[in-house]
């Protein structure tokens, strides 16, 4: 369980998808 969305908590180190190009506010 995590408070972050999957997009921000996945990836090789749990830091987010390296290929995601969307930007947060």
PDBML (XML) file of the C-alpha atoms, coordinates in Angstrom:
<?xml version="1.0" encoding="UTF-8" ?>
<PDBx:datablock datablockName="MODEL"
   xmlns:PDBx="http://pdbml.pdb.org/schema/pdbx-v50.xsd"
   xmlns:xsi="http://www.w3.org/2001/XMLSchema-instance"
   xsi:schemaLocation="http://pdbml.pdb.org/schema/pdbx-v50.xsd pdbx-v50.xsd">
   <PDBx:atom_siteCategory>
      <PDBx:atom_site id="1">
         <PDBx:B_iso_or_equiv>0.00</PDBx:B_iso_or_equiv>
         <PDBx:Cartn_x>0.000</PDBx:Cartn_x>
         <PDBx:Cartn_y>0.000</PDBx:Cartn_y>
         <PDBx:Cartn_z>0.000</PDBx:Cartn_z>
         <PDBx:auth_asym_id>A</PDBx:auth_asym_id>
         <PDBx:auth_atom_id>CA</PDBx:auth_atom_id>
         <PDBx:auth_comp_id>UNK</PDBx:auth_comp_id>
         <PDBx:auth_seq_id>1</PDBx:auth_seq_id>
         <PDBx:group_PDB>ATOM</PDBx:group_PDB>
         <PDBx:label_alt_id xsi:nil="true" />
         <PDBx:label_asym_id>A</PDBx:label_asym_id>
         <PDBx:label_atom_id>CA</PDBx:label_atom_id>
         <PDBx:label_comp_id>UNK</PDBx:label_comp_id>
         <PDBx:label_entity_id>1</PDBx:label_entity_id>
         <PDBx:label_seq_id>1</PDBx:label_seq_id>
         <PDBx:occupancy>1.00</PDBx:occupancy>
         <PDBx:pdbx_PDB_model_num>1</PDBx:pdbx_PDB_model_num>
         <PDBx:type_symbol>C</PDBx:type_symbol>
      </PDBx:atom_site>
      <PDBx:atom_site id="2">
         <PDBx:B_iso_or_equiv>0.00</PDBx:B_iso_or_equiv>
         <PDBx:Cartn_x>1.171</PDBx:Cartn_x>
         <PDBx:Cartn_y>3.524</PDBx:Cartn_y>
         <PDBx:Cartn_z>-0.816</PDBx:Cartn_z>
         <PDBx:auth_asym_id>A</PDBx:auth_asym_id>
         <PDBx:auth_atom_id>CA</PDBx:auth_atom_id>
         <PDBx:auth_comp_id>UNK</PDBx:auth_comp_id>
         <PDBx:auth_seq_id>2</PDBx:auth_seq_id>
         <PDBx:group_PDB>ATOM</PDBx:group_PDB>
         <PDBx:label_alt_id xsi:nil="true" />
         <PDBx:label_asym_id>A</PDBx:label_asym_id>
         <PDBx:label_atom_id>CA</PDBx:label_atom_id>
         <PDBx:label_comp_id>UNK</PDBx:label_comp_id>
         <PDBx:label_entity_id>1</PDBx:label_entity_id>
         <PDBx:label_seq_id>2</PDBx:label_seq_id>
         <PDBx:occupancy>1.00</PDBx:occupancy>
         <PDBx:pdbx_PDB_model_num>1</PDBx:pdbx_PDB_model_num>
         <PDBx:type_symbol>C</PDBx:type_symbol>
      </PDBx:atom_site>
      <PDBx:atom_site id="3">
         <PDBx:B_iso_or_equiv>0.00</PDBx:B_iso_or_equiv>
         <PDBx:Cartn_x>-0.300</PDBx:Cartn_x>
         <PDBx:Cartn_y>7.028</PDBx:Cartn_y>
         <PDBx:Cartn_z>-0.808</PDBx:Cartn_z>
         <PDBx:auth_asym_id>A</PDBx:auth_asym_id>
         <PDBx:auth_atom_id>CA</PDBx:auth_atom_id>
         <PDBx:auth_comp_id>UNK</PDBx:auth_comp_id>
         <PDBx:auth_seq_id>3</PDBx:auth_seq_id>
         <PDBx:group_PDB>ATOM</PDBx:group_PDB>
         <PDBx:label_alt_id xsi:nil="true" />
         <PDBx:label_asym_id>A</PDBx:label_asym_id>
         <PDBx:label_atom_id>CA</PDBx:label_atom_id>
         <PDBx:label_comp_id>UNK</PDBx:label_comp_id>
         <PDBx:label_entity_id>1</PDBx:label_entity_id>
         <PDBx:label_seq_id>3</PDBx:label_seq_id>
         <PDBx:occupancy>1.00</PDBx:occupancy>
         <PDBx:pdbx_PDB_model_num>1</PDBx:pdbx_PDB_model_num>
         <PDBx:type_symbol>C</PDBx:type_symbol>
      </PDBx:atom_site>
      <PDBx:atom_site id="4">
         <PDBx:B_iso_or_equiv>0.00</PDBx:B_iso_or_equiv>
         <PDBx:Cartn_x>1.329</PDBx:Cartn_x>
         <PDBx:Cartn_y>7.758</PDBx:Cartn_y>
         <PDBx:Cartn_z>-4.163</PDBx:Cartn_z>
         <PDBx:auth_asym_id>A</PDBx:auth_asym_id>
         <PDBx:auth_atom_id>CA</PDBx:auth_atom_id>
         <PDBx:auth_comp_id>UNK</PDBx:auth_comp_id>
         <PDBx:auth_seq_id>4</PDBx:auth_seq_id>
         <PDBx:group_PDB>ATOM</PDBx:group_PDB>
         <PDBx:label_alt_id xsi:nil="true" />
         <PDBx:label_asym_id>A</PDBx:label_asym_id>
         <PDBx:label_atom_id>CA</PDBx:label_atom_id>
         <PDBx:label_comp_id>UNK</PDBx:label_comp_id>
         <PDBx:label_entity_id>1</PDBx:label_entity_id>
         <PDBx:label_seq_id>4</PDBx:label_seq_id>
         <PDBx:occupancy>1.00</PDBx:occupancy>
         <PDBx:pdbx_PDB_model_num>1</PDBx:pdbx_PDB_model_num>
         <PDBx:type_symbol>C</PDBx:type_symbol>
      </PDBx:atom_site>
      <PDBx:atom_site id="5">
         <PDBx:B_iso_or_equiv>0.00</PDBx:B_iso_or_equiv>
         <PDBx:Cartn_x>-0.300</PDBx:Cartn_x>
         <PDBx:Cartn_y>6.885</PDBx:Cartn_y>
         <PDBx:Cartn_z>-7.454</PDBx:Cartn_z>
         <PDBx:auth_asym_id>A</PDBx:auth_asym_id>
         <PDBx:auth_atom_id>CA</PDBx:auth_atom_id>
         <PDBx:auth_comp_id>UNK</PDBx:auth_comp_id>
         <PDBx:auth_seq_id>5</PDBx:auth_seq_id>
         <PDBx:group_PDB>ATOM</PDBx:group_PDB>
         <PDBx:label_alt_id xsi:nil="true" />
         <PDBx:label_asym_id>A</PDBx:label_asym_id>
         <PDBx:label_atom_id>CA</PDBx:label_atom_id>
         <PDBx:label_comp_id>UNK</PDBx:label_comp_id>
         <PDBx:label_entity_id>1</PDBx:label_entity_id>
         <PDBx:label_seq_id>5</PDBx:label_seq_id>
         <PDBx:occupancy>1.00</PDBx:occupancy>
         <PDBx:pdbx_PDB_model_num>1</PDBx:pdbx_PDB_model_num>
         <PDBx:type_symbol>C</PDBx:type_symbol>
      </PDBx:atom_site>
      <PDBx:atom_site id="6">
         <PDBx:B_iso_or_equiv>0.00</PDBx:B_iso_or_equiv>
         <PDBx:Cartn_x>1.129</PDBx:Cartn_x>
         <PDBx:Cartn_y>3.921</PDBx:Cartn_y>
         <PDBx:Cartn_z>-9.377</PDBx:Cartn_z>
         <PDBx:auth_asym_id>A</PDBx:auth_asym_id>
         <PDBx:auth_atom_id>CA</PDBx:auth_atom_id>
         <PDBx:auth_comp_id>UNK</PDBx:auth_comp_id>
         <PDBx:auth_seq_id>6</PDBx:auth_seq_id>
         <PDBx:group_PDB>ATOM</PDBx:group_PDB>
         <PDBx:label_alt_id xsi:nil="true" />
         <PDBx:label_asym_id>A</PDBx:label_asym_id>
         <PDBx:label_atom_id>CA</PDBx:label_atom_id>
         <PDBx:label_comp_id>UNK</PDBx:label_comp_id>
         <PDBx:label_entity_id>1</PDBx:label_entity_id>
         <PDBx:label_seq_id>6</PDBx:label_seq_id>
         <PDBx:occupancy>1.00</PDBx:occupancy>
         <PDBx:pdbx_PDB_model_num>1</PDBx:pdbx_PDB_model_num>
         <PDBx:type_symbol>C</PDBx:type_symbol>
      </PDBx:atom_site>
      <PDBx:atom_site id="7">
         <PDBx:B_iso_or_equiv>0.00</PDBx:B_iso_or_equiv>
         <PDBx:Cartn_x>2.674</PDBx:Cartn_x>
         <PDBx:Cartn_y>6.351</PDBx:Cartn_y>
         <PDBx:Cartn_z>-11.870</PDBx:Cartn_z>
         <PDBx:auth_asym_id>A</PDBx:auth_asym_id>
         <PDBx:auth_atom_id>CA</PDBx:auth_atom_id>
         <PDBx:auth_comp_id>UNK</PDBx:auth_comp_id>
         <PDBx:auth_seq_id>7</PDBx:auth_seq_id>
         <PDBx:group_PDB>ATOM</PDBx:group_PDB>
         <PDBx:label_alt_id xsi:nil="true" />
         <PDBx:label_asym_id>A</PDBx:label_asym_id>
         <PDBx:label_atom_id>CA</PDBx:label_atom_id>
         <PDBx:label_comp_id>UNK</PDBx:label_comp_id>
         <PDBx:label_entity_id>1</PDBx:label_entity_id>
         <PDBx:label_seq_id>7</PDBx:label_seq_id>
         <PDBx:occupancy>1.00</PDBx:occupancy>
         <PDBx:pdbx_PDB_model_num>1</PDBx:pdbx_PDB_model_num>
         <PDBx:type_symbol>C</PDBx:type_symbol>
      </PDBx:atom_site>
      <PDBx:atom_site id="8">
         <PDBx:B_iso_or_equiv>0.00</PDBx:B_iso_or_equiv>
         <PDBx:Cartn_x>4.759</PDBx:Cartn_x>
         <PDBx:Cartn_y>7.925</PDBx:Cartn_y>
         <PDBx:Cartn_z>-9.078</PDBx:Cartn_z>
         <PDBx:auth_asym_id>A</PDBx:auth_asym_id>
         <PDBx:auth_atom_id>CA</PDBx:auth_atom_id>
         <PDBx:auth_comp_id>UNK</PDBx:auth_comp_id>
         <PDBx:auth_seq_id>8</PDBx:auth_seq_id>
         <PDBx:group_PDB>ATOM</PDBx:group_PDB>
         <PDBx:label_alt_id xsi:nil="true" />
         <PDBx:label_asym_id>A</PDBx:label_asym_id>
         <PDBx:label_atom_id>CA</PDBx:label_atom_id>
         <PDBx:label_comp_id>UNK</PDBx:label_comp_id>
         <PDBx:label_entity_id>1</PDBx:label_entity_id>
         <PDBx:label_seq_id>8</PDBx:label_seq_id>
         <PDBx:occupancy>1.00</PDBx:occupancy>
         <PDBx:pdbx_PDB_model_num>1</PDBx:pdbx_PDB_model_num>
         <PDBx:type_symbol>C</PDBx:type_symbol>
      </PDBx:atom_site>
      <PDBx:atom_site id="9">
         <PDBx:B_iso_or_equiv>0.00</PDBx:B_iso_or_equiv>
         <PDBx:Cartn_x>5.625</PDBx:Cartn_x>
         <PDBx:Cartn_y>4.771</PDBx:Cartn_y>
         <PDBx:Cartn_z>-7.146</PDBx:Cartn_z>
         <PDBx:auth_asym_id>A</PDBx:auth_asym_id>
         <PDBx:auth_atom_id>CA</PDBx:auth_atom_id>
         <PDBx:auth_comp_id>UNK</PDBx:auth_comp_id>
         <PDBx:auth_seq_id>9</PDBx:auth_seq_id>
         <PDBx:group_PDB>ATOM</PDBx:group_PDB>
         <PDBx:label_alt_id xsi:nil="true" />
         <PDBx:label_asym_id>A</PDBx:label_asym_id>
         <PDBx:label_atom_id>CA</PDBx:label_atom_id>
         <PDBx:label_comp_id>UNK</PDBx:label_comp_id>
         <PDBx:label_entity_id>1</PDBx:label_entity_id>
         <PDBx:label_seq_id>9</PDBx:label_seq_id>
         <PDBx:occupancy>1.00</PDBx:occupancy>
         <PDBx:pdbx_PDB_model_num>1</PDBx:pdbx_PDB_model_num>
         <PDBx:type_symbol>C</PDBx:type_symbol>
      </PDBx:atom_site>
      <PDBx:atom_site id="10">
         <PDBx:B_iso_or_equiv>0.00</PDBx:B_iso_or_equiv>
         <PDBx:Cartn_x>6.525</PDBx:Cartn_x>
         <PDBx:Cartn_y>2.231</PDBx:Cartn_y>
         <PDBx:Cartn_z>-9.814</PDBx:Cartn_z>
         <PDBx:auth_asym_id>A</PDBx:auth_asym_id>
         <PDBx:auth_atom_id>CA</PDBx:auth_atom_id>
         <PDBx:auth_comp_id>UNK</PDBx:auth_comp_id>
         <PDBx:auth_seq_id>10</PDBx:auth_seq_id>
         <PDBx:group_PDB>ATOM</PDBx:group_PDB>
         <PDBx:label_alt_id xsi:nil="true" />
         <PDBx:label_asym_id>A</PDBx:label_asym_id>
         <PDBx:label_atom_id>CA</PDBx:label_atom_id>
         <PDBx:label_comp_id>UNK</PDBx:label_comp_id>
         <PDBx:label_entity_id>1</PDBx:label_entity_id>
         <PDBx:label_seq_id>10</PDBx:label_seq_id>
         <PDBx:occupancy>1.00</PDBx:occupancy>
         <PDBx:pdbx_PDB_model_num>1</PDBx:pdbx_PDB_model_num>
         <PDBx:type_symbol>C</PDBx:type_symbol>
      </PDBx:atom_site>
      <PDBx:atom_site id="11">
         <PDBx:B_iso_or_equiv>0.00</PDBx:B_iso_or_equiv>
         <PDBx:Cartn_x>9.771</PDBx:Cartn_x>
         <PDBx:Cartn_y>1.938</PDBx:Cartn_y>
         <PDBx:Cartn_z>-11.734</PDBx:Cartn_z>
         <PDBx:auth_asym_id>A</PDBx:auth_asym_id>
         <PDBx:auth_atom_id>CA</PDBx:auth_atom_id>
         <PDBx:auth_comp_id>UNK</PDBx:auth_comp_id>
         <PDBx:auth_seq_id>11</PDBx:auth_seq_id>
         <PDBx:group_PDB>ATOM</PDBx:group_PDB>
         <PDBx:label_alt_id xsi:nil="true" />
         <PDBx:label_asym_id>A</PDBx:label_asym_id>
         <PDBx:label_atom_id>CA</PDBx:label_atom_id>
         <PDBx:label_comp_id>UNK</PDBx:label_comp_id>
         <PDBx:label_entity_id>1</PDBx:label_entity_id>
         <PDBx:label_seq_id>11</PDBx:label_seq_id>
         <PDBx:occupancy>1.00</PDBx:occupancy>
         <PDBx:pdbx_PDB_model_num>1</PDBx:pdbx_PDB_model_num>
         <PDBx:type_symbol>C</PDBx:type_symbol>
      </PDBx:atom_site>
      <PDBx:atom_site id="12">
         <PDBx:B_iso_or_equiv>0.00</PDBx:B_iso_or_equiv>
         <PDBx:Cartn_x>13.024</PDBx:Cartn_x>
         <PDBx:Cartn_y>0.158</PDBx:Cartn_y>
         <PDBx:Cartn_z>-10.890</PDBx:Cartn_z>
         <PDBx:auth_asym_id>A</PDBx:auth_asym_id>
         <PDBx:auth_atom_id>CA</PDBx:auth_atom_id>
         <PDBx:auth_comp_id>UNK</PDBx:auth_comp_id>
         <PDBx:auth_seq_id>12</PDBx:auth_seq_id>
         <PDBx:group_PDB>ATOM</PDBx:group_PDB>
         <PDBx:label_alt_id xsi:nil="true" />
         <PDBx:label_asym_id>A</PDBx:label_asym_id>
         <PDBx:label_atom_id>CA</PDBx:label_atom_id>
         <PDBx:label_comp_id>UNK</PDBx:label_comp_id>
         <PDBx:label_entity_id>1</PDBx:label_entity_id>
         <PDBx:label_seq_id>12</PDBx:label_seq_id>
         <PDBx:occupancy>1.00</PDBx:occupancy>
         <PDBx:pdbx_PDB_model_num>1</PDBx:pdbx_PDB_model_num>
         <PDBx:type_symbol>C</PDBx:type_symbol>
      </PDBx:atom_site>
      <PDBx:atom_site id="13">
         <PDBx:B_iso_or_equiv>0.00</PDBx:B_iso_or_equiv>
         <PDBx:Cartn_x>13.526</PDBx:Cartn_x>
         <PDBx:Cartn_y>1.960</PDBx:Cartn_y>
         <PDBx:Cartn_z>-7.549</PDBx:Cartn_z>
         <PDBx:auth_asym_id>A</PDBx:auth_asym_id>
         <PDBx:auth_atom_id>CA</PDBx:auth_atom_id>
         <PDBx:auth_comp_id>UNK</PDBx:auth_comp_id>
         <PDBx:auth_seq_id>13</PDBx:auth_seq_id>
         <PDBx:group_PDB>ATOM</PDBx:group_PDB>
         <PDBx:label_alt_id xsi:nil="true" />
         <PDBx:label_asym_id>A</PDBx:label_asym_id>
         <PDBx:label_atom_id>CA</PDBx:label_atom_id>
         <PDBx:label_comp_id>UNK</PDBx:label_comp_id>
         <PDBx:label_entity_id>1</PDBx:label_entity_id>
         <PDBx:label_seq_id>13</PDBx:label_seq_id>
         <PDBx:occupancy>1.00</PDBx:occupancy>
         <PDBx:pdbx_PDB_model_num>1</PDBx:pdbx_PDB_model_num>
         <PDBx:type_symbol>C</PDBx:type_symbol>
      </PDBx:atom_site>
      <PDBx:atom_site id="14">
         <PDBx:B_iso_or_equiv>0.00</PDBx:B_iso_or_equiv>
         <PDBx:Cartn_x>9.927</PDBx:Cartn_x>
         <PDBx:Cartn_y>2.811</PDBx:Cartn_y>
         <PDBx:Cartn_z>-6.672</PDBx:Cartn_z>
         <PDBx:auth_asym_id>A</PDBx:auth_asym_id>
         <PDBx:auth_atom_id>CA</PDBx:auth_atom_id>
         <PDBx:auth_comp_id>UNK</PDBx:auth_comp_id>
         <PDBx:auth_seq_id>14</PDBx:auth_seq_id>
         <PDBx:group_PDB>ATOM</PDBx:group_PDB>
         <PDBx:label_alt_id xsi:nil="true" />
         <PDBx:label_asym_id>A</PDBx:label_asym_id>
         <PDBx:label_atom_id>CA</PDBx:label_atom_id>
         <PDBx:label_comp_id>UNK</PDBx:label_comp_id>
         <PDBx:label_entity_id>1</PDBx:label_entity_id>
         <PDBx:label_seq_id>14</PDBx:label_seq_id>
         <PDBx:occupancy>1.00</PDBx:occupancy>
         <PDBx:pdbx_PDB_model_num>1</PDBx:pdbx_PDB_model_num>
         <PDBx:type_symbol>C</PDBx:type_symbol>
      </PDBx:atom_site>
      <PDBx:atom_site id="15">
         <PDBx:B_iso_or_equiv>0.00</PDBx:B_iso_or_equiv>
         <PDBx:Cartn_x>10.548</PDBx:Cartn_x>
         <PDBx:Cartn_y>6.427</PDBx:Cartn_y>
         <PDBx:Cartn_z>-7.717</PDBx:Cartn_z>
         <PDBx:auth_asym_id>A</PDBx:auth_asym_id>
         <PDBx:auth_atom_id>CA</PDBx:auth_atom_id>
         <PDBx:auth_comp_id>UNK</PDBx:auth_comp_id>
         <PDBx:auth_seq_id>15</PDBx:auth_seq_id>
         <PDBx:group_PDB>ATOM</PDBx:group_PDB>
         <PDBx:label_alt_id xsi:nil="true" />
         <PDBx:label_asym_id>A</PDBx:label_asym_id>
         <PDBx:label_atom_id>CA</PDBx:label_atom_id>
         <PDBx:label_comp_id>UNK</PDBx:label_comp_id>
         <PDBx:label_entity_id>1</PDBx:label_entity_id>
         <PDBx:label_seq_id>15</PDBx:label_seq_id>
         <PDBx:occupancy>1.00</PDBx:occupancy>
         <PDBx:pdbx_PDB_model_num>1</PDBx:pdbx_PDB_model_num>
         <PDBx:type_symbol>C</PDBx:type_symbol>
      </PDBx:atom_site>
      <PDBx:atom_site id="16">
         <PDBx:B_iso_or_equiv>0.00</PDBx:B_iso_or_equiv>
         <PDBx:Cartn_x>8.176</PDBx:Cartn_x>
         <PDBx:Cartn_y>6.489</PDBx:Cartn_y>
         <PDBx:Cartn_z>-10.681</PDBx:Cartn_z>
         <PDBx:auth_asym_id>A</PDBx:auth_asym_id>
         <PDBx:auth_atom_id>CA</PDBx:auth_atom_id>
         <PDBx:auth_comp_id>UNK</PDBx:auth_comp_id>
         <PDBx:auth_seq_id>16</PDBx:auth_seq_id>
         <PDBx:group_PDB>ATOM</PDBx:group_PDB>
         <PDBx:label_alt_id xsi:nil="true" />
         <PDBx:label_asym_id>A</PDBx:label_asym_id>
         <PDBx:label_atom_id>CA</PDBx:label_atom_id>
         <PDBx:label_comp_id>UNK</PDBx:label_comp_id>
         <PDBx:label_entity_id>1</PDBx:label_entity_id>
         <PDBx:label_seq_id>16</PDBx:label_seq_id>
         <PDBx:occupancy>1.00</PDBx:occupancy>
         <PDBx:pdbx_PDB_model_num>1</PDBx:pdbx_PDB_model_num>
         <PDBx:type_symbol>C</PDBx:type_symbol>
      </PDBx:atom_site>
      <PDBx:atom_site id="17">
         <PDBx:B_iso_or_equiv>0.00</PDBx:B_iso_or_equiv>
         <PDBx:Cartn_x>8.168</PDBx:Cartn_x>
         <PDBx:Cartn_y>5.374</PDBx:Cartn_y>
         <PDBx:Cartn_z>-14.279</PDBx:Cartn_z>
         <PDBx:auth_asym_id>A</PDBx:auth_asym_id>
         <PDBx:auth_atom_id>CA</PDBx:auth_atom_id>
         <PDBx:auth_comp_id>UNK</PDBx:auth_comp_id>
         <PDBx:auth_seq_id>17</PDBx:auth_seq_id>
         <PDBx:group_PDB>ATOM</PDBx:group_PDB>
         <PDBx:label_alt_id xsi:nil="true" />
         <PDBx:label_asym_id>A</PDBx:label_asym_id>
         <PDBx:label_atom_id>CA</PDBx:label_atom_id>
         <PDBx:label_comp_id>UNK</PDBx:label_comp_id>
         <PDBx:label_entity_id>1</PDBx:label_entity_id>
         <PDBx:label_seq_id>17</PDBx:label_seq_id>
         <PDBx:occupancy>1.00</PDBx:occupancy>
         <PDBx:pdbx_PDB_model_num>1</PDBx:pdbx_PDB_model_num>
         <PDBx:type_symbol>C</PDBx:type_symbol>
      </PDBx:atom_site>
      <PDBx:atom_site id="18">
         <PDBx:B_iso_or_equiv>0.00</PDBx:B_iso_or_equiv>
         <PDBx:Cartn_x>11.380</PDBx:Cartn_x>
         <PDBx:Cartn_y>6.640</PDBx:Cartn_y>
         <PDBx:Cartn_z>-15.953</PDBx:Cartn_z>
         <PDBx:auth_asym_id>A</PDBx:auth_asym_id>
         <PDBx:auth_atom_id>CA</PDBx:auth_atom_id>
         <PDBx:auth_comp_id>UNK</PDBx:auth_comp_id>
         <PDBx:auth_seq_id>18</PDBx:auth_seq_id>
         <PDBx:group_PDB>ATOM</PDBx:group_PDB>
         <PDBx:label_alt_id xsi:nil="true" />
         <PDBx:label_asym_id>A</PDBx:label_asym_id>
         <PDBx:label_atom_id>CA</PDBx:label_atom_id>
         <PDBx:label_comp_id>UNK</PDBx:label_comp_id>
         <PDBx:label_entity_id>1</PDBx:label_entity_id>
         <PDBx:label_seq_id>18</PDBx:label_seq_id>
         <PDBx:occupancy>1.00</PDBx:occupancy>
         <PDBx:pdbx_PDB_model_num>1</PDBx:pdbx_PDB_model_num>
         <PDBx:type_symbol>C</PDBx:type_symbol>
      </PDBx:atom_site>
      <PDBx:atom_site id="19">
         <PDBx:B_iso_or_equiv>0.00</PDBx:B_iso_or_equiv>
         <PDBx:Cartn_x>9.585</PDBx:Cartn_x>
         <PDBx:Cartn_y>6.915</PDBx:Cartn_y>
         <PDBx:Cartn_z>-19.305</PDBx:Cartn_z>
         <PDBx:auth_asym_id>A</PDBx:auth_asym_id>
         <PDBx:auth_atom_id>CA</PDBx:auth_atom_id>
         <PDBx:auth_comp_id>UNK</PDBx:auth_comp_id>
         <PDBx:auth_seq_id>19</PDBx:auth_seq_id>
         <PDBx:group_PDB>ATOM</PDBx:group_PDB>
         <PDBx:label_alt_id xsi:nil="true" />
         <PDBx:label_asym_id>A</PDBx:label_asym_id>
         <PDBx:label_atom_id>CA</PDBx:label_atom_id>
         <PDBx:label_comp_id>UNK</PDBx:label_comp_id>
         <PDBx:label_entity_id>1</PDBx:label_entity_id>
         <PDBx:label_seq_id>19</PDBx:label_seq_id>
         <PDBx:occupancy>1.00</PDBx:occupancy>
         <PDBx:pdbx_PDB_model_num>1</PDBx:pdbx_PDB_model_num>
         <PDBx:type_symbol>C</PDBx:type_symbol>
      </PDBx:atom_site>
      <PDBx:atom_site id="20">
         <PDBx:B_iso_or_equiv>0.00</PDBx:B_iso_or_equiv>
         <PDBx:Cartn_x>6.651</PDBx:Cartn_x>
         <PDBx:Cartn_y>8.965</PDBx:Cartn_y>
         <PDBx:Cartn_z>-17.969</PDBx:Cartn_z>
         <PDBx:auth_asym_id>A</PDBx:auth_asym_id>
         <PDBx:auth_atom_id>CA</PDBx:auth_atom_id>
         <PDBx:auth_comp_id>UNK</PDBx:auth_comp_id>
         <PDBx:auth_seq_id>20</PDBx:auth_seq_id>
         <PDBx:group_PDB>ATOM</PDBx:group_PDB>
         <PDBx:label_alt_id xsi:nil="true" />
         <PDBx:label_asym_id>A</PDBx:label_asym_id>
         <PDBx:label_atom_id>CA</PDBx:label_atom_id>
         <PDBx:label_comp_id>UNK</PDBx:label_comp_id>
         <PDBx:label_entity_id>1</PDBx:label_entity_id>
         <PDBx:label_seq_id>20</PDBx:label_seq_id>
         <PDBx:occupancy>1.00</PDBx:occupancy>
         <PDBx:pdbx_PDB_model_num>1</PDBx:pdbx_PDB_model_num>
         <PDBx:type_symbol>C</PDBx:type_symbol>
      </PDBx:atom_site>
      <PDBx:atom_site id="21">
         <PDBx:B_iso_or_equiv>0.00</PDBx:B_iso_or_equiv>
         <PDBx:Cartn_x>6.731</PDBx:Cartn_x>
         <PDBx:Cartn_y>12.445</PDBx:Cartn_y>
         <PDBx:Cartn_z>-19.539</PDBx:Cartn_z>
         <PDBx:auth_asym_id>A</PDBx:auth_asym_id>
         <PDBx:auth_atom_id>CA</PDBx:auth_atom_id>
         <PDBx:auth_comp_id>UNK</PDBx:auth_comp_id>
         <PDBx:auth_seq_id>21</PDBx:auth_seq_id>
         <PDBx:group_PDB>ATOM</PDBx:group_PDB>
         <PDBx:label_alt_id xsi:nil="true" />
         <PDBx:label_asym_id>A</PDBx:label_asym_id>
         <PDBx:label_atom_id>CA</PDBx:label_atom_id>
         <PDBx:label_comp_id>UNK</PDBx:label_comp_id>
         <PDBx:label_entity_id>1</PDBx:label_entity_id>
         <PDBx:label_seq_id>21</PDBx:label_seq_id>
         <PDBx:occupancy>1.00</PDBx:occupancy>
         <PDBx:pdbx_PDB_model_num>1</PDBx:pdbx_PDB_model_num>
         <PDBx:type_symbol>C</PDBx:type_symbol>
      </PDBx:atom_site>
      <PDBx:atom_site id="22">
         <PDBx:B_iso_or_equiv>0.00</PDBx:B_iso_or_equiv>
         <PDBx:Cartn_x>3.771</PDBx:Cartn_x>
         <PDBx:Cartn_y>13.954</PDBx:Cartn_y>
         <PDBx:Cartn_z>-17.700</PDBx:Cartn_z>
         <PDBx:auth_asym_id>A</PDBx:auth_asym_id>
         <PDBx:auth_atom_id>CA</PDBx:auth_atom_id>
         <PDBx:auth_comp_id>UNK</PDBx:auth_comp_id>
         <PDBx:auth_seq_id>22</PDBx:auth_seq_id>
         <PDBx:group_PDB>ATOM</PDBx:group_PDB>
         <PDBx:label_alt_id xsi:nil="true" />
         <PDBx:label_asym_id>A</PDBx:label_asym_id>
         <PDBx:label_atom_id>CA</PDBx:label_atom_id>
         <PDBx:label_comp_id>UNK</PDBx:label_comp_id>
         <PDBx:label_entity_id>1</PDBx:label_entity_id>
         <PDBx:label_seq_id>22</PDBx:label_seq_id>
         <PDBx:occupancy>1.00</PDBx:occupancy>
         <PDBx:pdbx_PDB_model_num>1</PDBx:pdbx_PDB_model_num>
         <PDBx:type_symbol>C</PDBx:type_symbol>
      </PDBx:atom_site>
      <PDBx:atom_site id="23">
         <PDBx:B_iso_or_equiv>0.00</PDBx:B_iso_or_equiv>
         <PDBx:Cartn_x>4.536</PDBx:Cartn_x>
         <PDBx:Cartn_y>16.843</PDBx:Cartn_y>
         <PDBx:Cartn_z>-15.367</PDBx:Cartn_z>
         <PDBx:auth_asym_id>A</PDBx:auth_asym_id>
         <PDBx:auth_atom_id>CA</PDBx:auth_atom_id>
         <PDBx:auth_comp_id>UNK</PDBx:auth_comp_id>
         <PDBx:auth_seq_id>23</PDBx:auth_seq_id>
         <PDBx:group_PDB>ATOM</PDBx:group_PDB>
         <PDBx:label_alt_id xsi:nil="true" />
         <PDBx:label_asym_id>A</PDBx:label_asym_id>
         <PDBx:label_atom_id>CA</PDBx:label_atom_id>
         <PDBx:label_comp_id>UNK</PDBx:label_comp_id>
         <PDBx:label_entity_id>1</PDBx:label_entity_id>
         <PDBx:label_seq_id>23</PDBx:label_seq_id>
         <PDBx:occupancy>1.00</PDBx:occupancy>
         <PDBx:pdbx_PDB_model_num>1</PDBx:pdbx_PDB_model_num>
         <PDBx:type_symbol>C</PDBx:type_symbol>
      </PDBx:atom_site>
      <PDBx:atom_site id="24">
         <PDBx:B_iso_or_equiv>0.00</PDBx:B_iso_or_equiv>
         <PDBx:Cartn_x>3.005</PDBx:Cartn_x>
         <PDBx:Cartn_y>17.568</PDBx:Cartn_y>
         <PDBx:Cartn_z>-11.975</PDBx:Cartn_z>
         <PDBx:auth_asym_id>A</PDBx:auth_asym_id>
         <PDBx:auth_atom_id>CA</PDBx:auth_atom_id>
         <PDBx:auth_comp_id>UNK</PDBx:auth_comp_id>
         <PDBx:auth_seq_id>24</PDBx:auth_seq_id>
         <PDBx:group_PDB>ATOM</PDBx:group_PDB>
         <PDBx:label_alt_id xsi:nil="true" />
         <PDBx:label_asym_id>A</PDBx:label_asym_id>
         <PDBx:label_atom_id>CA</PDBx:label_atom_id>
         <PDBx:label_comp_id>UNK</PDBx:label_comp_id>
         <PDBx:label_entity_id>1</PDBx:label_entity_id>
         <PDBx:label_seq_id>24</PDBx:label_seq_id>
         <PDBx:occupancy>1.00</PDBx:occupancy>
         <PDBx:pdbx_PDB_model_num>1</PDBx:pdbx_PDB_model_num>
         <PDBx:type_symbol>C</PDBx:type_symbol>
      </PDBx:atom_site>
      <PDBx:atom_site id="25">
         <PDBx:B_iso_or_equiv>0.00</PDBx:B_iso_or_equiv>
         <PDBx:Cartn_x>1.893</PDBx:Cartn_x>
         <PDBx:Cartn_y>21.078</PDBx:Cartn_y>
         <PDBx:Cartn_z>-11.052</PDBx:Cartn_z>
         <PDBx:auth_asym_id>A</PDBx:auth_asym_id>
         <PDBx:auth_atom_id>CA</PDBx:auth_atom_id>
         <PDBx:auth_comp_id>UNK</PDBx:auth_comp_id>
         <PDBx:auth_seq_id>25</PDBx:auth_seq_id>
         <PDBx:group_PDB>ATOM</PDBx:group_PDB>
         <PDBx:label_alt_id xsi:nil="true" />
         <PDBx:label_asym_id>A</PDBx:label_asym_id>
         <PDBx:label_atom_id>CA</PDBx:label_atom_id>
         <PDBx:label_comp_id>UNK</PDBx:label_comp_id>
         <PDBx:label_entity_id>1</PDBx:label_entity_id>
         <PDBx:label_seq_id>25</PDBx:label_seq_id>
         <PDBx:occupancy>1.00</PDBx:occupancy>
         <PDBx:pdbx_PDB_model_num>1</PDBx:pdbx_PDB_model_num>
         <PDBx:type_symbol>C</PDBx:type_symbol>
      </PDBx:atom_site>
   </PDBx:atom_siteCategory>
</PDBx:datablock>
